[in-house]
Amino acid sequence: MTRISKDADIATRGIKALARSLGTVRAHRFLTLLRPRPTDYVQVSKRIYAKQGVDEIFERSQKRARQR
């Protein structure tokens, strides 16, 4: 058995187990909770850098670049 078929078998058996345990609707709901959600990176950046000036951010960036 190849890895792909093993992975597919595991996924199929897992989904069936979820459906038996939770019911079809709740199993689907559970699986949708595992999906990555869209993120507004502009808003995230605003929160992260809210109290920092451009110079501070730039200096930190330069310092990290030199460490690599």
C-alpha atoms as a PDB file:
ATOM      1  CA  MET A   1       0.000   0.000   0.000  1.00  0.00           C
ATOM      2  CA  THR A   2       1.413   3.417  -0.926  1.00  0.00           C
ATOM      3  CA  ARG A   3       1.615   6.374   1.423  1.00  0.00           C
ATOM      4  CA  ILE A   4      -1.109   8.178  -0.523  1.00  0.00           C
ATOM      5  CA  SER A   5      -3.560   5.334  -0.146  1.00  0.00           C
ATOM      6  CA  LYS A   6      -2.637   4.975   3.515  1.00  0.00           C
ATOM      7  CA  ASP A   7      -3.238   8.702   4.078  1.00  0.00           C
ATOM      8  CA  ALA A   8      -6.501   8.531   2.162  1.00  0.00           C
ATOM      9  CA  ASP A   9      -7.548   5.485   4.200  1.00  0.00           C
ATOM     10  CA  ILE A  10      -6.742   7.251   7.475  1.00  0.00           C
ATOM     11  CA  ALA A  11      -8.671  10.355   6.384  1.00  0.00           C
ATOM     12  CA  THR A  12     -11.682   8.294   5.273  1.00  0.00           C
ATOM     13  CA  ARG A  13     -11.757   6.239   8.449  1.00  0.00           C
ATOM     14  CA  GLY A  14     -11.336   9.376  10.576  1.00  0.00           C
ATOM     15  CA  ILE A  15     -14.217  11.175   8.888  1.00  0.00           C
ATOM     16  CA  LYS A  16     -16.425   8.112   9.253  1.00  0.00           C
ATOM     17  CA  ALA A  17     -15.528   7.872  12.958  1.00  0.00           C
ATOM     18  CA  LEU A  18     -16.332  11.550  13.450  1.00  0.00           C
ATOM     19  CA  ALA A  19     -19.659  11.157  11.673  1.00  0.00           C
ATOM     20  CA  ARG A  20     -20.551   8.100  13.792  1.00  0.00           C
ATOM     21  CA  SER A  21     -19.531   9.871  17.004  1.00  0.00           C
ATOM     22  CA  LEU A  22     -20.857  13.372  16.379  1.00  0.00           C
ATOM     23  CA  GLY A  23     -23.369  12.923  13.604  1.00  0.00           C
ATOM     24  CA  THR A  24     -22.921  14.239  10.080  1.00  0.00           C
ATOM     25  CA  VAL A  25     -23.708  17.894  10.752  1.00  0.00           C
ATOM     26  CA  ARG A  26     -21.550  18.178  13.872  1.00  0.00           C
ATOM     27  CA  ALA A  27     -18.692  16.294  12.193  1.00  0.00           C
ATOM     28  CA  HIS A  28     -18.799  18.774   9.325  1.00  0.00           C
ATOM     29  CA  ARG A  29     -18.929  21.659  11.783  1.00  0.00           C
ATOM     30  CA  PHE A  30     -15.899  20.251  13.630  1.00  0.00           C
ATOM     31  CA  LEU A  31     -13.914  19.890  10.416  1.00  0.00           C
ATOM     32  CA  THR A  32     -14.680  23.480   9.391  1.00  0.00           C
ATOM     33  CA  LEU A  33     -13.265  24.656  12.730  1.00  0.00           C
ATOM     34  CA  LEU A  34      -9.901  23.174  11.724  1.00  0.00           C
ATOM     35  CA  ARG A  35      -9.654  25.213   8.515  1.00  0.00           C
ATOM     36  CA  PRO A  36      -7.453  28.280   8.485  1.00  0.00           C
ATOM     37  CA  ARG A  37      -9.508  31.427   8.662  1.00  0.00           C
ATOM     38  CA  PRO A  38      -8.826  34.562   6.661  1.00  0.00           C
ATOM     39  CA  THR A  39      -6.781  37.052   8.643  1.00  0.00           C
ATOM     40  CA  ASP A  40      -6.669  40.799   8.184  1.00  0.00           C
ATOM     41  CA  TYR A  41      -2.913  41.249   8.429  1.00  0.00           C
ATOM     42  CA  VAL A  42      -3.239  45.037   8.256  1.00  0.00           C
ATOM     43  CA  GLN A  43      -5.254  45.033  11.482  1.00  0.00           C
ATOM     44  CA  VAL A  44      -2.866  42.549  13.100  1.00  0.00           C
ATOM     45  CA  SER A  45       0.104  44.751  12.176  1.00  0.00           C
ATOM     46  CA  LYS A  46      -1.621  47.837  13.538  1.00  0.00           C
ATOM     47  CA  ARG A  47      -2.069  46.106  16.904  1.00  0.00           C
ATOM     48  CA  ILE A  48       1.476  44.750  16.992  1.00  0.00           C
ATOM     49  CA  TYR A  49       3.171  47.994  16.014  1.00  0.00           C
ATOM     50  CA  ALA A  50       0.719  50.472  17.542  1.00  0.00           C
ATOM     51  CA  LYS A  51       3.125  51.962  20.079  1.00  0.00           C
ATOM     52  CA  GLN A  52       6.268  51.740  17.960  1.00  0.00           C
ATOM     53  CA  GLY A  53       7.663  54.314  15.625  1.00  0.00           C
ATOM     54  CA  VAL A  54       8.929  53.653  12.122  1.00  0.00           C
ATOM     55  CA  ASP A  55      12.535  54.202  13.224  1.00  0.00           C
ATOM     56  CA  GLU A  56      12.225  51.632  16.019  1.00  0.00           C
ATOM     57  CA  ILE A  57      10.696  49.050  13.694  1.00  0.00           C
ATOM     58  CA  PHE A  58      13.351  49.715  11.039  1.00  0.00           C
ATOM     59  CA  GLU A  59      16.230  49.454  13.523  1.00  0.00           C
ATOM     60  CA  ARG A  60      14.924  46.152  14.876  1.00  0.00           C
ATOM     61  CA  SER A  61      14.550  44.835  11.337  1.00  0.00           C
ATOM     62  CA  GLN A  62      18.112  45.829  10.473  1.00  0.00           C
ATOM     63  CA  LYS A  63      19.454  44.229  13.650  1.00  0.00           C
ATOM     64  CA  ARG A  64      17.711  40.927  12.854  1.00  0.00           C
ATOM     65  CA  ALA A  65      18.977  41.015   9.284  1.00  0.00           C
ATOM     66  CA  ARG A  66      22.573  41.422  10.529  1.00  0.00           C
ATOM     67  CA  GLN A  67      22.168  38.431  12.882  1.00  0.00           C
ATOM     68  CA  ARG A  68      21.334  36.102  10.008  1.00  0.00           C
END
